[in-house]
Structure formats: C-alpha cells, structure tokens
C-alpha cells in the first residue's frame, strides 16, 4: 500500500516538474535563455540542441545574446531560431547572435493564455489518470486480500488528498505564468 502511494507521489511530482519546464519555454515579455531550450540546430548533418553549440545569456530585460563555440555554426543557429516559430528574429555580427525580445501584443497574450489553459488542463488530466490507476491497484490489492477494506478506504482517501494537492500545484503554476504573460 505504501509502495502504491510512493509511486503515485513520484509520478505526480514528475507531471508538475514537466509542466514547470514547459512553461519556461513559453515566451513572456522578458528575455529568458530558457526560451531557446527546445531549439534543435542542424549542424554538420546532426540535430543538436542549441545549448550544446553556444553560451546563451539574457544581458538585458529584452535581449538574449548567443555566443557560439564555433563561428561556423552561426548561420545554422540563425536558421534554427527562425524555424522555431518563437516570433523573434536573430541578428549577427559574425561573433555573436543577438535576439531582441519584443513586447507581446494583446492578441499574442490571449493566444498564450489559451495555450497555458490547455496545458494546465492536460496536466490535471494526467494527475487524475495517475489517481485512477493508483486506486485501481489498491482495489486489486483488496480483492486479493493483501489489504483490508478499512485500509482501502484510508489509502483511497490519501490518494484523493495527494491528487487534489498536486492539481492545486498545477493550477498555481498556470496562474503564476498567466500573470507573468499579462504583465506589460
């Protein structure tokens, strides 16, 4: 029974962590190097993550500076950023790539808020599915006489409490990110 609950919390924590990582890649009005985390660069015939090809820093609130380890990768990095559909355009001086992060329009803010809401709901559903699977395991254990009915009720109540707590965490992450997006 404890093992089922331990698995449940580990899986739910992973769902929350994945959502938090996804939210770092969603552009707000501020420059954040995490925006470029998912960009894959086609360099010398291989698809490599941008972070493996360059140093990325946010020097100002609206400027990201990329310093490639090799000058020959600059064009490939620029192409990858343009393909990424982030709504930014890189400019290069031969050594560095600068990305000015423009402020978000009201329309884009509304689109991002909808995207956030969809992702938050998807992660809530994942948590509910983990809850359902855990309760099914507990019922199976009760059916096989591994635990009593009282233990089943107690464990089910614990599972429900964990699920509600993690759904609350997911909702809070969504609310925080939405506030960040709506700031001008």
Protein backbone atom coordinates (compact mmCIF):
# COMPACT_ATOMS: atom_id res chain seq x y z
CA UNK A 1 0.00 0.00 0.00
CA UNK A 2 2.82 2.40 0.86
CA UNK A 3 4.54 1.50 -2.38
CA UNK A 4 1.44 2.47 -4.39
CA UNK A 5 1.30 5.83 -2.63
CA UNK A 6 5.04 6.40 -3.09
CA UNK A 7 4.72 5.66 -6.83
CA UNK A 8 1.73 7.97 -7.03
CA UNK A 9 3.57 10.91 -5.47
CA UNK A 10 6.66 10.34 -7.63
CA UNK A 11 4.57 10.28 -10.81
CA UNK A 12 2.56 13.35 -9.80
CA UNK A 13 5.71 15.28 -8.92
CA UNK A 14 7.10 14.40 -12.34
CA UNK A 15 3.93 15.76 -14.01
CA UNK A 16 4.32 19.05 -12.11
CA UNK A 17 8.04 19.26 -12.99
CA UNK A 18 7.35 18.64 -16.68
CA UNK A 19 4.74 21.42 -16.70
CA UNK A 20 7.14 23.82 -14.98
CA UNK A 21 9.80 23.06 -17.61
CA UNK A 22 7.28 23.53 -20.42
CA UNK A 23 6.31 26.91 -19.01
CA UNK A 24 9.93 28.13 -19.13
CA UNK A 25 9.86 27.75 -22.91
CA UNK A 26 6.75 29.92 -23.30
CA UNK A 27 7.74 33.44 -24.21
CA UNK A 28 6.75 36.31 -21.98
CA UNK A 29 7.66 39.95 -22.47
CA UNK A 30 11.07 39.35 -20.88
CA UNK A 31 14.18 37.77 -22.31
CA UNK A 32 14.86 34.33 -20.86
CA UNK A 33 17.52 31.91 -22.13
CA UNK A 34 15.12 29.04 -21.42
CA UNK A 35 13.09 30.19 -24.44
CA UNK A 36 15.74 28.55 -26.60
CA UNK A 37 15.92 25.23 -24.70
CA UNK A 38 13.91 23.26 -27.25
CA UNK A 39 15.67 24.59 -30.34
CA UNK A 40 17.49 21.93 -32.31
CA UNK A 41 20.19 23.12 -34.73
CA UNK A 42 21.11 21.16 -37.86
CA UNK A 43 24.88 21.42 -37.60
CA UNK A 44 27.24 19.34 -39.73
CA UNK A 45 24.48 16.86 -40.56
CA UNK A 46 23.38 16.34 -36.95
CA UNK A 47 20.48 17.81 -34.98
CA UNK A 48 21.99 19.23 -31.80
CA UNK A 49 20.38 21.25 -29.00
CA UNK A 50 21.35 24.90 -29.21
CA UNK A 51 22.71 24.83 -25.65
CA UNK A 52 25.42 22.38 -26.82
CA UNK A 53 26.62 24.77 -29.52
CA UNK A 54 26.68 28.10 -27.70
CA UNK A 55 26.63 30.09 -24.50
CA UNK A 56 23.22 31.76 -24.04
CA UNK A 57 22.62 34.69 -21.69
CA UNK A 58 19.97 37.35 -21.16
CA UNK A 59 22.02 40.54 -20.90
CA UNK A 60 19.03 42.88 -20.61
CA UNK A 61 15.32 42.52 -19.97
CA UNK A 62 14.64 42.33 -23.71
CA UNK A 63 17.88 40.96 -25.18
CA UNK A 64 19.25 37.43 -25.45
CA UNK A 65 22.87 37.04 -26.55
CA UNK A 66 24.12 33.78 -28.05
CA UNK A 67 27.87 33.24 -28.31
CA UNK A 68 28.55 30.12 -30.42
CA UNK A 69 31.54 27.98 -29.54
CA UNK A 70 32.42 27.92 -33.25
CA UNK A 71 31.88 30.75 -35.72
CA UNK A 72 30.90 28.28 -38.44
CA UNK A 73 27.71 27.43 -36.55
CA UNK A 74 26.26 30.96 -36.60
CA UNK A 75 24.24 30.57 -39.82
CA UNK A 76 22.83 27.21 -38.71
CA UNK A 77 21.82 28.67 -35.34
CA UNK A 78 20.11 31.64 -37.01
CA UNK A 79 18.17 29.29 -39.32
CA UNK A 80 17.06 27.14 -36.38
CA UNK A 81 15.84 30.18 -34.43
CA UNK A 82 13.88 31.44 -37.44
CA UNK A 83 12.29 27.98 -37.92
CA UNK A 84 11.38 27.75 -34.23
CA UNK A 85 8.31 29.98 -34.57
CA UNK A 86 9.18 31.99 -31.43
CA UNK A 87 8.30 35.25 -33.11
CA UNK A 88 11.83 36.65 -32.83
CA UNK A 89 14.49 37.38 -35.41
CA UNK A 90 18.18 36.92 -34.71
CA UNK A 91 20.85 39.37 -35.83
CA UNK A 92 24.51 38.51 -36.09
CA UNK A 93 27.75 40.48 -36.20
CA UNK A 94 29.91 37.48 -37.09
CA UNK A 95 30.79 36.57 -33.49
CA UNK A 96 27.55 36.93 -31.55
CA UNK A 97 23.88 36.47 -32.26
CA UNK A 98 21.52 38.93 -30.63
CA UNK A 99 17.82 38.33 -30.23
CA UNK A 100 15.67 41.29 -29.29
CA UNK A 101 12.57 40.05 -27.49
CA UNK A 102 9.74 42.38 -28.47
CA UNK A 103 6.87 43.02 -26.07
CA UNK A 104 3.87 40.77 -26.61
CA UNK A 105 0.78 42.10 -28.37
CA UNK A 106 -2.61 41.74 -26.69
CA UNK A 107 -3.58 39.16 -29.32
CA UNK A 108 -0.47 37.08 -28.64
CA UNK A 109 -1.06 37.34 -24.88
CA UNK A 110 -4.57 35.95 -25.36
CA UNK A 111 -3.22 33.08 -27.51
CA UNK A 112 -0.61 32.25 -24.87
CA UNK A 113 -3.24 32.34 -22.12
CA UNK A 114 -5.31 29.81 -24.07
CA UNK A 115 -2.23 27.64 -24.61
CA UNK A 116 -1.46 27.78 -20.88
CA UNK A 117 -5.02 26.81 -20.02
CA UNK A 118 -4.84 23.80 -22.37
CA UNK A 119 -1.52 22.63 -20.95
CA UNK A 120 -2.71 23.07 -17.36
CA UNK A 121 -5.85 21.06 -18.09
CA UNK A 122 -3.81 18.33 -19.84
CA UNK A 123 -1.61 18.01 -16.77
CA UNK A 124 -4.64 17.94 -14.46
CA UNK A 125 -5.98 15.05 -16.52
CA UNK A 126 -2.62 13.28 -16.20
CA UNK A 127 -2.82 13.61 -12.43
CA UNK A 128 -6.40 12.32 -12.41
CA UNK A 129 -5.29 9.33 -14.50
CA UNK A 130 -2.50 8.56 -12.05
CA UNK A 131 -5.06 8.79 -9.24
CA UNK A 132 -7.42 6.42 -11.05
CA UNK A 133 -4.64 3.90 -11.72
CA UNK A 134 -3.48 4.02 -8.11
CA UNK A 135 -6.99 3.44 -6.78
CA UNK A 136 -7.38 0.52 -9.21
CA UNK A 137 -4.16 -1.01 -7.85
CA UNK A 138 -5.42 -0.58 -4.29
CA UNK A 139 -8.77 -2.21 -5.14
CA UNK A 140 -6.93 -5.10 -6.75
CA UNK A 141 -4.85 -5.48 -3.58
CA UNK A 142 -8.05 -5.52 -1.51
CA UNK A 143 -9.60 -8.08 -3.83
CA UNK A 144 -6.51 -10.29 -3.46
CA UNK A 145 -6.82 -9.93 0.33
CA UNK A 146 -3.49 -8.09 0.59
CA UNK A 147 -5.18 -5.18 2.40
CA UNK A 148 -8.45 -4.82 4.31
CA UNK A 149 -11.46 -2.72 3.33
CA UNK A 150 -10.60 -0.19 6.03
CA UNK A 151 -7.06 0.10 4.67
CA UNK A 152 -8.51 0.52 1.17
CA UNK A 153 -10.74 3.38 2.33
CA UNK A 154 -7.89 5.04 4.19
CA UNK A 155 -5.49 4.68 1.25
CA UNK A 156 -8.12 5.90 -1.23
CA UNK A 157 -8.66 8.97 0.90
CA UNK A 158 -4.89 9.58 0.96
CA UNK A 159 -4.69 9.18 -2.82
CA UNK A 160 -7.52 11.70 -3.26
CA UNK A 161 -5.75 14.17 -0.98
CA UNK A 162 -2.50 13.83 -2.89
CA UNK A 163 -4.31 14.25 -6.21
CA UNK A 164 -6.04 17.42 -5.01
CA UNK A 165 -2.77 18.83 -3.69
CA UNK A 166 -0.96 18.21 -6.98
CA UNK A 167 -3.86 19.57 -9.03
CA UNK A 168 -3.59 22.68 -6.86
CA UNK A 169 0.15 22.93 -7.64
CA UNK A 170 -0.55 22.63 -11.38
CA UNK A 171 -3.25 25.29 -11.17
CA UNK A 172 -0.93 27.60 -9.23
CA UNK A 173 1.81 27.18 -11.83
CA UNK A 174 -0.70 28.08 -14.53
CA UNK A 175 -1.96 31.13 -12.63
CA UNK A 176 1.57 32.38 -11.98
CA UNK A 177 2.59 32.01 -15.62
CA UNK A 178 -0.61 33.71 -16.80
CA UNK A 179 0.10 36.70 -14.53
CA UNK A 180 3.63 36.84 -15.94
CA UNK A 181 2.29 36.83 -19.51
CA UNK A 182 -0.31 39.50 -18.83
CA UNK A 183 2.23 41.90 -17.29
CA UNK A 184 3.15 44.69 -19.63
